[in-house]
């Protein structure tokens, strides 16, 4: 799974997260972000039928905002869209009939004939692993998506679903979506990582900027500036988190790039990461995507960020 970002073929290929569309930013603001993302070469967008779904009747949910932009810009054949199903109140759960209905609705909203990937947004404990495998594999079989996979699954259920697809000679799963960043490294070396390697699942690393904490924009902020500031500063209040942020800042200053670029480049440096997923709330913030695509972190810098010790050079 790849997505172009920037003009070169090297460097991280970053997926634009669509969770903020219709939630943190308005439809016009979302379109401005999408316009700029496409302009710099970005082609891969991640969303879900659950993102801002309460605003669907007003056409202000994430999928509809993206779809209206796709149709208006005439880029249906040029963008790759990953969506997730199973958590929307319109079609909750992962039973095959519900998944089929949800995917068909997503395709209509997103204005494309085929999705890059469809993922189960979260596990459904009321549905057997074999049934989930059947539901997802049918999506690929109907050519509604090039790839299928899972998001937010525990390692035992992820293994069961992937194994069930193989055991039943179904379309194999190819994608897993899980949080992975400088601030959330639990995936690396975990049981879920083992499952991904065993079944050849590509990782879409969500939360690559740790809700904005790794951009440094919340440093020194007095008072609340928004939901993400409250969440990030609360979750990453410990000294080690700020030590990592110090290292990111020093490396960014050395290369003359934004802190977000360093954070994205670190995520993309791992061979098990297919693409980092990051969202922005303004077109200007996408400059970090361009910087990350060109940034080459040294082994010393990578080691400094990875282990949290030593001075970057």
Protein backbone atom coordinates (compact mmCIF):
# COMPACT_ATOMS: atom_id res chain seq x y z
CA UNK A 1 0.00 0.00 0.00
CA UNK A 2 1.50 3.30 -1.04
CA UNK A 3 0.44 6.89 -1.41
CA UNK A 4 2.31 9.66 -3.13
CA UNK A 5 3.22 12.78 -1.23
CA UNK A 6 5.51 15.36 -2.75
CA UNK A 7 7.16 15.05 -6.11
CA UNK A 8 9.85 12.50 -5.35
CA UNK A 9 9.65 8.74 -5.11
CA UNK A 10 11.65 8.53 -1.88
CA UNK A 11 10.71 9.39 1.66
CA UNK A 12 7.54 8.68 3.63
CA UNK A 13 4.27 8.37 1.84
CA UNK A 14 1.81 9.92 4.23
CA UNK A 15 -1.90 9.20 4.42
CA UNK A 16 -4.12 12.16 5.25
CA UNK A 17 -6.41 11.37 8.16
CA UNK A 18 -10.02 12.46 7.68
CA UNK A 19 -11.26 12.21 11.27
CA UNK A 20 -11.13 16.00 11.68
CA UNK A 21 -13.41 16.71 8.71
CA UNK A 22 -16.80 17.85 9.98
CA UNK A 23 -15.55 17.62 13.57
CA UNK A 24 -12.65 20.00 14.19
CA UNK A 25 -12.86 21.83 10.88
CA UNK A 26 -15.75 22.88 8.65
CA UNK A 27 -16.54 21.67 5.15
CA UNK A 28 -14.85 24.66 3.42
CA UNK A 29 -11.81 24.27 5.68
CA UNK A 30 -11.70 20.53 4.93
CA UNK A 31 -11.83 21.19 1.19
CA UNK A 32 -8.96 23.67 1.51
CA UNK A 33 -6.89 20.97 3.22
CA UNK A 34 -7.81 18.40 0.57
CA UNK A 35 -7.00 20.83 -2.25
CA UNK A 36 -3.56 21.52 -0.83
CA UNK A 37 -2.90 17.84 -0.07
CA UNK A 38 -3.66 16.95 -3.68
CA UNK A 39 -1.57 19.86 -4.92
CA UNK A 40 1.57 18.62 -3.12
CA UNK A 41 1.08 15.13 -4.52
CA UNK A 42 -0.91 13.53 -1.71
CA UNK A 43 -3.16 10.76 -2.96
CA UNK A 44 -4.04 8.58 0.03
CA UNK A 45 -6.88 9.53 2.42
CA UNK A 46 -8.16 7.66 5.46
CA UNK A 47 -11.70 8.02 6.80
CA UNK A 48 -14.58 6.06 8.37
CA UNK A 49 -18.32 5.90 8.00
CA UNK A 50 -18.46 6.74 11.73
CA UNK A 51 -16.52 10.02 11.56
CA UNK A 52 -18.99 12.87 12.25
CA UNK A 53 -21.79 10.52 11.20
CA UNK A 54 -24.27 12.44 13.35
CA UNK A 55 -24.01 15.25 10.78
CA UNK A 56 -24.65 13.05 7.76
CA UNK A 57 -28.09 14.45 6.95
CA UNK A 58 -26.50 17.88 6.60
CA UNK A 59 -23.76 16.36 4.41
CA UNK A 60 -21.16 17.34 6.98
CA UNK A 61 -19.78 13.92 7.89
CA UNK A 62 -16.23 13.03 6.89
CA UNK A 63 -17.09 10.64 4.06
CA UNK A 64 -19.56 13.02 2.44
CA UNK A 65 -17.21 15.99 2.76
CA UNK A 66 -14.47 13.96 1.04
CA UNK A 67 -16.86 12.63 -1.58
CA UNK A 68 -18.23 16.07 -2.48
CA UNK A 69 -14.63 17.26 -2.86
CA UNK A 70 -13.72 14.25 -5.03
CA UNK A 71 -16.65 14.92 -7.35
CA UNK A 72 -16.10 18.67 -7.43
CA UNK A 73 -12.38 18.34 -8.13
CA UNK A 74 -12.92 15.53 -10.65
CA UNK A 75 -10.24 13.34 -9.06
CA UNK A 76 -12.13 10.09 -8.50
CA UNK A 77 -9.61 8.09 -10.48
CA UNK A 78 -6.58 9.77 -8.92
CA UNK A 79 -7.06 9.35 -5.17
CA UNK A 80 -6.89 6.28 -2.97
CA UNK A 81 -9.35 6.19 -0.10
CA UNK A 82 -9.40 3.84 2.85
CA UNK A 83 -12.56 3.73 4.93
CA UNK A 84 -13.65 1.78 7.96
CA UNK A 85 -17.02 0.25 8.79
CA UNK A 86 -18.73 -1.27 11.78
CA UNK A 87 -19.08 1.65 14.21
CA UNK A 88 -21.56 3.88 12.42
CA UNK A 89 -25.08 4.01 13.85
CA UNK A 90 -26.30 3.64 10.24
CA UNK A 91 -24.92 0.11 9.96
CA UNK A 92 -23.38 -1.03 13.25
CA UNK A 93 -21.56 -4.32 13.56
CA UNK A 94 -19.64 -6.69 11.30
CA UNK A 95 -22.17 -9.22 10.14
CA UNK A 96 -21.81 -9.79 6.37
CA UNK A 97 -25.11 -8.14 5.42
CA UNK A 98 -24.32 -5.05 7.49
CA UNK A 99 -20.79 -4.78 6.11
CA UNK A 100 -22.04 -5.08 2.56
CA UNK A 101 -24.62 -2.35 3.14
CA UNK A 102 -22.11 -0.09 4.88
CA UNK A 103 -19.50 -0.43 2.13
CA UNK A 104 -22.00 0.29 -0.62
CA UNK A 105 -23.11 3.44 1.19
CA UNK A 106 -19.51 4.52 1.73
CA UNK A 107 -18.71 4.11 -1.97
CA UNK A 108 -21.72 6.26 -2.87
CA UNK A 109 -20.77 8.95 -0.36
CA UNK A 110 -17.10 8.98 -1.36
CA UNK A 111 -17.81 9.26 -5.08
CA UNK A 112 -15.46 6.50 -6.23
CA UNK A 113 -16.03 3.19 -7.94
CA UNK A 114 -13.47 1.29 -5.88
CA UNK A 115 -11.85 1.96 -2.52
CA UNK A 116 -8.19 1.41 -1.81
CA UNK A 117 -9.05 -0.42 1.40
CA UNK A 118 -11.98 -1.29 3.65
CA UNK A 119 -11.24 -2.10 7.27
CA UNK A 120 -13.34 -3.34 10.14
CA UNK A 121 -13.22 -0.25 12.37
CA UNK A 122 -13.23 -2.27 15.58
CA UNK A 123 -13.92 -5.81 16.70
CA UNK A 124 -17.50 -6.99 17.04
CA UNK A 125 -17.48 -9.60 19.84
CA UNK A 126 -20.96 -10.78 18.88
CA UNK A 127 -19.74 -11.97 15.47
CA UNK A 128 -17.48 -14.99 15.02
CA UNK A 129 -14.04 -14.56 13.50
CA UNK A 130 -15.01 -16.70 10.52
CA UNK A 131 -18.06 -14.55 9.82
CA UNK A 132 -15.96 -11.37 9.98
CA UNK A 133 -13.50 -12.93 7.54
CA UNK A 134 -16.37 -13.76 5.19
CA UNK A 135 -17.77 -10.22 5.43
CA UNK A 136 -14.43 -8.56 4.65
CA UNK A 137 -13.37 -11.01 1.97
CA UNK A 138 -16.67 -10.49 0.15
CA UNK A 139 -15.81 -6.79 -0.15
CA UNK A 140 -12.63 -7.66 -2.05
CA UNK A 141 -14.42 -10.35 -4.01
CA UNK A 142 -16.95 -7.80 -5.25
CA UNK A 143 -14.00 -5.54 -6.16
CA UNK A 144 -15.34 -2.79 -3.95
CA UNK A 145 -11.89 -2.44 -2.41
CA UNK A 146 -8.38 -3.43 -3.43
CA UNK A 147 -7.48 -4.44 0.10
CA UNK A 148 -9.24 -5.43 3.32
CA UNK A 149 -8.18 -5.45 6.93
CA UNK A 150 -8.75 -4.59 10.56
CA UNK A 151 -8.44 -1.61 12.88
CA UNK A 152 -8.33 -1.66 16.68
CA UNK A 153 -8.40 -5.44 17.01
CA UNK A 154 -6.72 -7.34 19.81
CA UNK A 155 -4.03 -9.78 18.72
CA UNK A 156 -6.06 -12.92 19.45
CA UNK A 157 -9.06 -11.85 17.40
CA UNK A 158 -6.86 -10.42 14.64
CA UNK A 159 -5.12 -13.77 14.35
CA UNK A 160 -8.42 -15.65 14.36
CA UNK A 161 -9.89 -13.49 11.58
CA UNK A 162 -6.77 -13.63 9.39
CA UNK A 163 -6.47 -17.38 9.96
CA UNK A 164 -10.16 -17.94 9.19
CA UNK A 165 -9.77 -16.21 5.83
CA UNK A 166 -6.93 -18.56 4.91
CA UNK A 167 -8.66 -21.65 6.27
CA UNK A 168 -11.78 -20.92 4.21
CA UNK A 169 -9.77 -20.00 1.08
CA UNK A 170 -11.20 -16.49 1.18
CA UNK A 171 -9.62 -13.27 0.00
CA UNK A 172 -6.72 -12.72 2.43
CA UNK A 173 -6.51 -9.70 4.69
CA UNK A 174 -3.73 -7.30 3.83
CA UNK A 175 -3.95 -4.26 6.13
CA UNK A 176 -3.90 -3.56 9.83
CA UNK A 177 -4.42 -0.13 11.36
CA UNK A 178 -2.99 0.61 14.78
CA UNK A 179 -1.58 3.56 16.71
CA UNK A 180 2.18 3.93 16.39
CA UNK A 181 4.26 7.04 17.04
CA UNK A 182 7.14 8.30 19.11
CA UNK A 183 4.68 8.56 21.99
CA UNK A 184 2.87 5.25 21.41
CA UNK A 185 5.31 2.47 20.58
CA UNK A 186 3.49 -0.55 22.01
CA UNK A 187 2.84 -2.05 18.56
CA UNK A 188 6.52 -2.69 17.86
CA UNK A 189 7.44 -6.18 19.02
CA UNK A 190 3.93 -6.85 20.34
CA UNK A 191 1.77 -9.91 19.81
CA UNK A 192 -0.24 -7.89 17.29
CA UNK A 193 2.97 -7.06 15.44
CA UNK A 194 3.70 -10.79 15.32
CA UNK A 195 0.28 -11.41 13.79
CA UNK A 196 0.91 -8.72 11.18
CA UNK A 197 4.23 -10.27 10.21
CA UNK A 198 2.85 -13.81 10.15
CA UNK A 199 -0.02 -12.92 7.82
CA UNK A 200 1.73 -10.21 5.81
CA UNK A 201 -0.46 -7.34 7.01
CA UNK A 202 0.74 -3.84 6.11
CA UNK A 203 0.57 -1.34 8.98
CA UNK A 204 -1.20 1.98 8.61
CA UNK A 205 0.30 3.79 11.60
CA UNK A 206 -2.42 6.00 13.05
CA UNK A 207 -1.84 8.83 15.51
CA UNK A 208 1.56 9.49 13.96
CA UNK A 209 1.63 13.00 15.48
CA UNK A 210 0.15 11.96 18.84
CA UNK A 211 -2.91 14.22 18.60
CA UNK A 212 -0.65 17.16 17.76
CA UNK A 213 1.68 16.78 20.74
CA UNK A 214 4.65 15.93 18.49
CA UNK A 215 4.20 19.11 16.48
CA UNK A 216 5.22 21.12 19.53
CA UNK A 217 2.28 23.47 19.05
CA UNK A 218 0.97 22.92 22.58
CA UNK A 219 4.23 23.88 24.26
CA UNK A 220 3.86 26.88 26.53
CA UNK A 221 0.16 27.24 25.74
CA UNK A 222 -1.76 28.77 28.62
CA UNK A 223 -5.35 27.65 28.91
CA UNK A 224 -7.28 25.36 26.62
CA UNK A 225 -7.00 25.81 22.86
CA UNK A 226 -9.11 22.84 21.88
CA UNK A 227 -9.95 19.19 22.39
CA UNK A 228 -6.61 17.91 21.15
CA UNK A 229 -4.59 20.27 23.33
CA UNK A 230 -6.43 19.08 26.43
CA UNK A 231 -6.03 15.43 25.47
CA UNK A 232 -2.38 15.61 24.43
CA UNK A 233 -1.10 17.72 27.28
CA UNK A 234 -2.93 15.49 29.75
CA UNK A 235 -1.74 12.21 28.28
CA UNK A 236 1.86 13.29 27.77
CA UNK A 237 2.52 15.29 30.93
CA UNK A 238 5.37 13.09 32.18
CA UNK A 239 9.06 14.13 32.00
CA UNK A 240 10.01 11.39 29.51
CA UNK A 241 7.42 12.62 27.00
CA UNK A 242 8.85 16.10 27.16
CA UNK A 243 12.38 14.73 26.88
CA UNK A 244 11.36 13.08 23.60
CA UNK A 245 9.79 16.35 22.46
CA UNK A 246 13.08 18.11 23.25
CA UNK A 247 14.94 15.65 21.03
CA UNK A 248 12.42 16.15 18.20
CA UNK A 249 12.86 19.91 18.47
CA UNK A 250 16.67 19.75 18.37
CA UNK A 251 16.66 17.51 15.31
CA UNK A 252 14.07 19.71 13.59
CA UNK A 253 16.17 22.81 14.23
CA UNK A 254 19.27 21.05 12.90
CA UNK A 255 17.52 20.18 9.62
CA UNK A 256 15.53 23.41 9.39
CA UNK A 257 12.20 21.58 9.30
CA UNK A 258 9.09 21.44 11.44
CA UNK A 259 8.89 19.11 14.42
CA UNK A 260 6.00 17.30 12.75
CA UNK A 261 8.27 16.37 9.83
CA UNK A 262 10.77 14.73 12.16
CA UNK A 263 8.02 12.79 13.93
CA UNK A 264 6.53 11.56 10.64
CA UNK A 265 9.93 10.61 9.26
CA UNK A 266 10.68 8.57 12.38
CA UNK A 267 7.44 6.58 11.99
CA UNK A 268 8.10 6.00 8.30
CA UNK A 269 11.65 4.81 9.01
CA UNK A 270 10.32 1.50 10.35
CA UNK A 271 10.19 -1.19 7.71
CA UNK A 272 6.95 -2.62 9.10
CA UNK A 273 5.11 0.69 8.52
CA UNK A 274 3.38 0.96 5.16
CA UNK A 275 2.30 4.54 5.74
CA UNK A 276 1.94 6.99 8.62
CA UNK A 277 -1.55 8.45 9.03
CA UNK A 278 -1.79 12.06 10.20
CA UNK A 279 -4.47 14.71 10.14
CA UNK A 280 -4.17 18.49 9.91
CA UNK A 281 -6.56 21.34 10.50
CA UNK A 282 -5.14 23.84 8.00
CA UNK A 283 -3.45 23.69 4.58
CA UNK A 284 -0.31 25.33 6.00
CA UNK A 285 0.29 22.35 8.28
CA UNK A 286 0.73 20.12 5.21
CA UNK A 287 4.15 21.69 4.66
CA UNK A 288 5.41 19.22 7.25
CA UNK A 289 4.28 16.37 4.97
CA UNK A 290 6.47 17.79 2.18
CA UNK A 291 9.40 18.19 4.55
CA UNK A 292 9.00 14.65 5.84
CA UNK A 293 9.07 13.30 2.29
CA UNK A 294 12.53 14.80 1.79
CA UNK A 295 13.96 14.36 5.29
CA UNK A 296 16.70 11.80 5.82
CA UNK A 297 17.28 11.18 9.51
CA UNK A 298 20.74 9.91 10.43
CA UNK A 299 21.26 6.68 12.34
CA UNK A 300 22.31 8.73 15.35
CA UNK A 301 19.13 10.80 15.17
CA UNK A 302 16.94 7.74 14.77
CA UNK A 303 18.68 6.06 17.69
CA UNK A 304 18.30 9.18 19.85
CA UNK A 305 14.57 9.28 19.18
CA UNK A 306 14.06 5.55 19.49
CA UNK A 307 15.78 4.95 22.79
CA UNK A 308 15.33 8.42 24.24
CA UNK A 309 18.96 8.71 25.25
CA UNK A 310 22.05 10.29 23.76
CA UNK A 311 22.40 13.60 22.03
CA UNK A 312 21.31 14.02 18.39
CA UNK A 313 23.96 15.30 15.99
